[in-house]
Amino acid sequence: MKKEKVVTRLKFYRTSVNHMTQQELADQVGISRQSINAIEKGKFLPSIESSLKLARFFGIAVEKLFYLETEE
């Protein structure tokens, strides 16, 4: 069975699209800057609630922000 991992595009949307710091994003969505950092580095998977808040903030589907990638 192939292994899958969650990939995030949070840093892309935060920096390239919205030109925000981690702290600015954290303040807007109500989660900590440390959580934003850990999510961007792939060290932490956010809760469904936090994932939905982040996607809503950027005005995109959650699947555009987080998706599964098959590891070879």
N, C-alpha and C. Protein backbone atom coordinates (compact mmCIF):
# COMPACT_ATOMS: atom_id res chain seq x y z
N MET A 1 0.84 -1.18 0.00
CA MET A 1 0.00 0.00 0.00
C MET A 1 0.88 1.24 0.00
N LYS A 2 0.55 2.19 -0.86
CA LYS A 2 1.33 3.42 -0.94
C LYS A 2 0.99 4.33 0.23
N LYS A 3 2.02 4.99 0.70
CA LYS A 3 1.86 5.90 1.83
C LYS A 3 1.49 7.29 1.32
N GLU A 4 0.61 7.96 2.05
CA GLU A 4 0.19 9.31 1.68
C GLU A 4 0.54 10.27 2.79
N LYS A 5 0.79 11.51 2.41
CA LYS A 5 1.05 12.54 3.41
C LYS A 5 0.24 13.79 3.05
N VAL A 6 -0.04 14.58 4.06
CA VAL A 6 -0.76 15.83 3.85
C VAL A 6 0.24 16.91 3.48
N VAL A 7 -0.06 17.62 2.41
CA VAL A 7 0.77 18.73 1.94
C VAL A 7 -0.04 20.01 2.13
N THR A 8 0.63 21.07 2.53
CA THR A 8 -0.06 22.34 2.73
C THR A 8 0.51 23.42 1.82
N ARG A 9 -0.36 24.31 1.38
CA ARG A 9 0.05 25.46 0.58
C ARG A 9 -0.16 26.73 1.39
N LEU A 10 -0.20 26.60 2.71
CA LEU A 10 -0.47 27.73 3.58
C LEU A 10 0.56 28.84 3.40
N LYS A 11 1.84 28.51 3.36
CA LYS A 11 2.86 29.54 3.22
C LYS A 11 2.71 30.28 1.89
N PHE A 12 2.39 29.55 0.83
CA PHE A 12 2.17 30.18 -0.48
C PHE A 12 1.06 31.22 -0.39
N TYR A 13 -0.09 30.82 0.15
CA TYR A 13 -1.22 31.76 0.22
C TYR A 13 -0.91 32.91 1.18
N ARG A 14 -0.21 32.62 2.26
CA ARG A 14 0.10 33.67 3.23
C ARG A 14 1.08 34.69 2.65
N THR A 15 2.13 34.23 1.98
CA THR A 15 3.18 35.14 1.53
C THR A 15 2.97 35.66 0.11
N SER A 16 2.65 34.79 -0.83
CA SER A 16 2.55 35.20 -2.23
C SER A 16 1.22 35.87 -2.57
N VAL A 17 0.17 35.40 -1.96
CA VAL A 17 -1.15 35.92 -2.30
C VAL A 17 -1.54 37.07 -1.38
N ASN A 18 -1.34 36.91 -0.08
CA ASN A 18 -1.80 37.93 0.87
C ASN A 18 -0.68 38.78 1.46
N HIS A 19 0.57 38.42 1.24
CA HIS A 19 1.71 39.20 1.74
C HIS A 19 1.60 39.51 3.23
N MET A 20 1.42 38.45 4.02
CA MET A 20 1.22 38.59 5.45
C MET A 20 2.33 37.89 6.22
N THR A 21 2.53 38.33 7.44
CA THR A 21 3.43 37.61 8.35
C THR A 21 2.63 36.48 8.99
N GLN A 22 3.36 35.57 9.61
CA GLN A 22 2.68 34.50 10.35
C GLN A 22 1.82 35.09 11.46
N GLN A 23 2.32 36.11 12.14
CA GLN A 23 1.57 36.72 13.24
C GLN A 23 0.29 37.38 12.74
N GLU A 24 0.35 38.07 11.62
CA GLU A 24 -0.84 38.72 11.06
C GLU A 24 -1.92 37.68 10.73
N LEU A 25 -1.50 36.57 10.12
CA LEU A 25 -2.46 35.51 9.79
C LEU A 25 -3.03 34.90 11.06
N ALA A 26 -2.17 34.63 12.02
CA ALA A 26 -2.62 34.04 13.29
C ALA A 26 -3.66 34.94 13.96
N ASP A 27 -3.42 36.23 13.96
CA ASP A 27 -4.37 37.17 14.56
C ASP A 27 -5.70 37.18 13.83
N GLN A 28 -5.65 37.06 12.51
CA GLN A 28 -6.88 37.09 11.70
C GLN A 28 -7.76 35.86 11.91
N VAL A 29 -7.13 34.69 12.08
CA VAL A 29 -7.92 33.45 12.17
C VAL A 29 -8.06 32.92 13.59
N GLY A 30 -7.34 33.52 14.54
CA GLY A 30 -7.51 33.12 15.94
C GLY A 30 -6.75 31.87 16.35
N ILE A 31 -5.61 31.63 15.70
CA ILE A 31 -4.74 30.54 16.15
C ILE A 31 -3.35 31.12 16.38
N SER A 32 -2.49 30.40 17.06
CA SER A 32 -1.19 30.95 17.44
C SER A 32 -0.23 31.02 16.26
N ARG A 33 0.73 31.94 16.35
CA ARG A 33 1.77 32.05 15.35
C ARG A 33 2.60 30.78 15.29
N GLN A 34 2.81 30.17 16.46
CA GLN A 34 3.57 28.93 16.52
C GLN A 34 2.86 27.82 15.74
N SER A 35 1.55 27.79 15.82
CA SER A 35 0.79 26.79 15.06
C SER A 35 0.92 27.03 13.57
N ILE A 36 0.83 28.30 13.14
CA ILE A 36 1.00 28.63 11.72
C ILE A 36 2.37 28.14 11.25
N ASN A 37 3.40 28.41 12.02
CA ASN A 37 4.75 28.00 11.68
C ASN A 37 4.85 26.48 11.56
N ALA A 38 4.31 25.76 12.53
CA ALA A 38 4.37 24.30 12.52
C ALA A 38 3.59 23.71 11.36
N ILE A 39 2.45 24.30 11.02
CA ILE A 39 1.65 23.83 9.88
C ILE A 39 2.44 24.02 8.59
N GLU A 40 3.04 25.20 8.43
CA GLU A 40 3.80 25.48 7.21
C GLU A 40 5.00 24.55 7.05
N LYS A 41 5.61 24.14 8.14
CA LYS A 41 6.76 23.25 8.09
C LYS A 41 6.37 21.78 7.99
N GLY A 42 5.07 21.48 8.05
CA GLY A 42 4.60 20.10 7.97
C GLY A 42 4.80 19.32 9.24
N LYS A 43 4.99 20.01 10.35
CA LYS A 43 5.20 19.34 11.63
C LYS A 43 3.93 19.19 12.44
N PHE A 44 2.86 19.81 11.98
CA PHE A 44 1.60 19.81 12.74
C PHE A 44 0.45 19.85 11.76
N LEU A 45 -0.55 18.99 11.98
CA LEU A 45 -1.76 19.03 11.18
C LEU A 45 -2.83 19.77 11.97
N PRO A 46 -3.40 20.81 11.39
CA PRO A 46 -4.41 21.57 12.12
C PRO A 46 -5.70 20.78 12.27
N SER A 47 -6.50 21.20 13.23
CA SER A 47 -7.81 20.58 13.41
C SER A 47 -8.69 20.92 12.20
N ILE A 48 -9.78 20.22 12.08
CA ILE A 48 -10.72 20.51 11.00
C ILE A 48 -11.21 21.95 11.13
N GLU A 49 -11.51 22.36 12.35
CA GLU A 49 -11.98 23.73 12.58
C GLU A 49 -10.96 24.77 12.11
N SER A 50 -9.70 24.58 12.49
CA SER A 50 -8.66 25.52 12.08
C SER A 50 -8.44 25.48 10.57
N SER A 51 -8.50 24.31 9.98
CA SER A 51 -8.35 24.18 8.53
C SER A 51 -9.44 24.94 7.80
N LEU A 52 -10.66 24.80 8.28
CA LEU A 52 -11.78 25.51 7.66
C LEU A 52 -11.68 27.01 7.85
N LYS A 53 -11.23 27.46 9.01
CA LYS A 53 -11.04 28.89 9.25
C LYS A 53 -9.99 29.47 8.31
N LEU A 54 -8.89 28.75 8.14
CA LEU A 54 -7.83 29.21 7.24
C LEU A 54 -8.33 29.28 5.80
N ALA A 55 -9.00 28.24 5.35
CA ALA A 55 -9.52 28.23 3.98
C ALA A 55 -10.54 29.35 3.78
N ARG A 56 -11.41 29.55 4.74
CA ARG A 56 -12.41 30.62 4.64
C ARG A 56 -11.73 31.99 4.58
N PHE A 57 -10.68 32.18 5.38
CA PHE A 57 -9.97 33.45 5.37
C PHE A 57 -9.42 33.75 3.98
N PHE A 58 -8.84 32.75 3.32
CA PHE A 58 -8.27 32.95 1.99
C PHE A 58 -9.32 32.89 0.88
N GLY A 59 -10.54 32.49 1.21
CA GLY A 59 -11.60 32.42 0.22
C GLY A 59 -11.44 31.28 -0.76
N ILE A 60 -10.90 30.17 -0.27
CA ILE A 60 -10.65 29.01 -1.13
C ILE A 60 -11.20 27.75 -0.46
N ALA A 61 -11.33 26.70 -1.26
CA ALA A 61 -11.73 25.40 -0.72
C ALA A 61 -10.59 24.84 0.11
N VAL A 62 -10.92 24.12 1.16
CA VAL A 62 -9.90 23.56 2.04
C VAL A 62 -8.95 22.64 1.26
N GLU A 63 -9.46 22.01 0.20
CA GLU A 63 -8.63 21.11 -0.61
C GLU A 63 -7.55 21.85 -1.40
N LYS A 64 -7.70 23.14 -1.57
CA LYS A 64 -6.65 23.92 -2.23
C LYS A 64 -5.55 24.28 -1.25
N LEU A 65 -5.88 24.29 0.01
CA LEU A 65 -4.91 24.65 1.06
C LEU A 65 -4.18 23.41 1.59
N PHE A 66 -4.90 22.29 1.68
CA PHE A 66 -4.34 21.03 2.16
C PHE A 66 -4.77 19.92 1.22
N TYR A 67 -3.82 19.06 0.85
CA TYR A 67 -4.18 17.93 0.00
C TYR A 67 -3.28 16.74 0.29
N LEU A 68 -3.70 15.57 -0.16
CA LEU A 68 -2.93 14.35 0.04
C LEU A 68 -2.02 14.12 -1.15
N GLU A 69 -0.79 13.72 -0.84
CA GLU A 69 0.18 13.40 -1.88
C GLU A 69 0.70 12.00 -1.61
N THR A 70 0.76 11.19 -2.64
CA THR A 70 1.26 9.82 -2.51
C THR A 70 2.79 9.84 -2.50
N GLU A 71 3.36 9.20 -1.49
CA GLU A 71 4.82 9.09 -1.42
C GLU A 71 5.25 7.84 -2.15
N GLU A 72 6.31 7.92 -2.88
CA GLU A 72 6.84 6.76 -3.60
C GLU A 72 7.75 5.95 -2.72
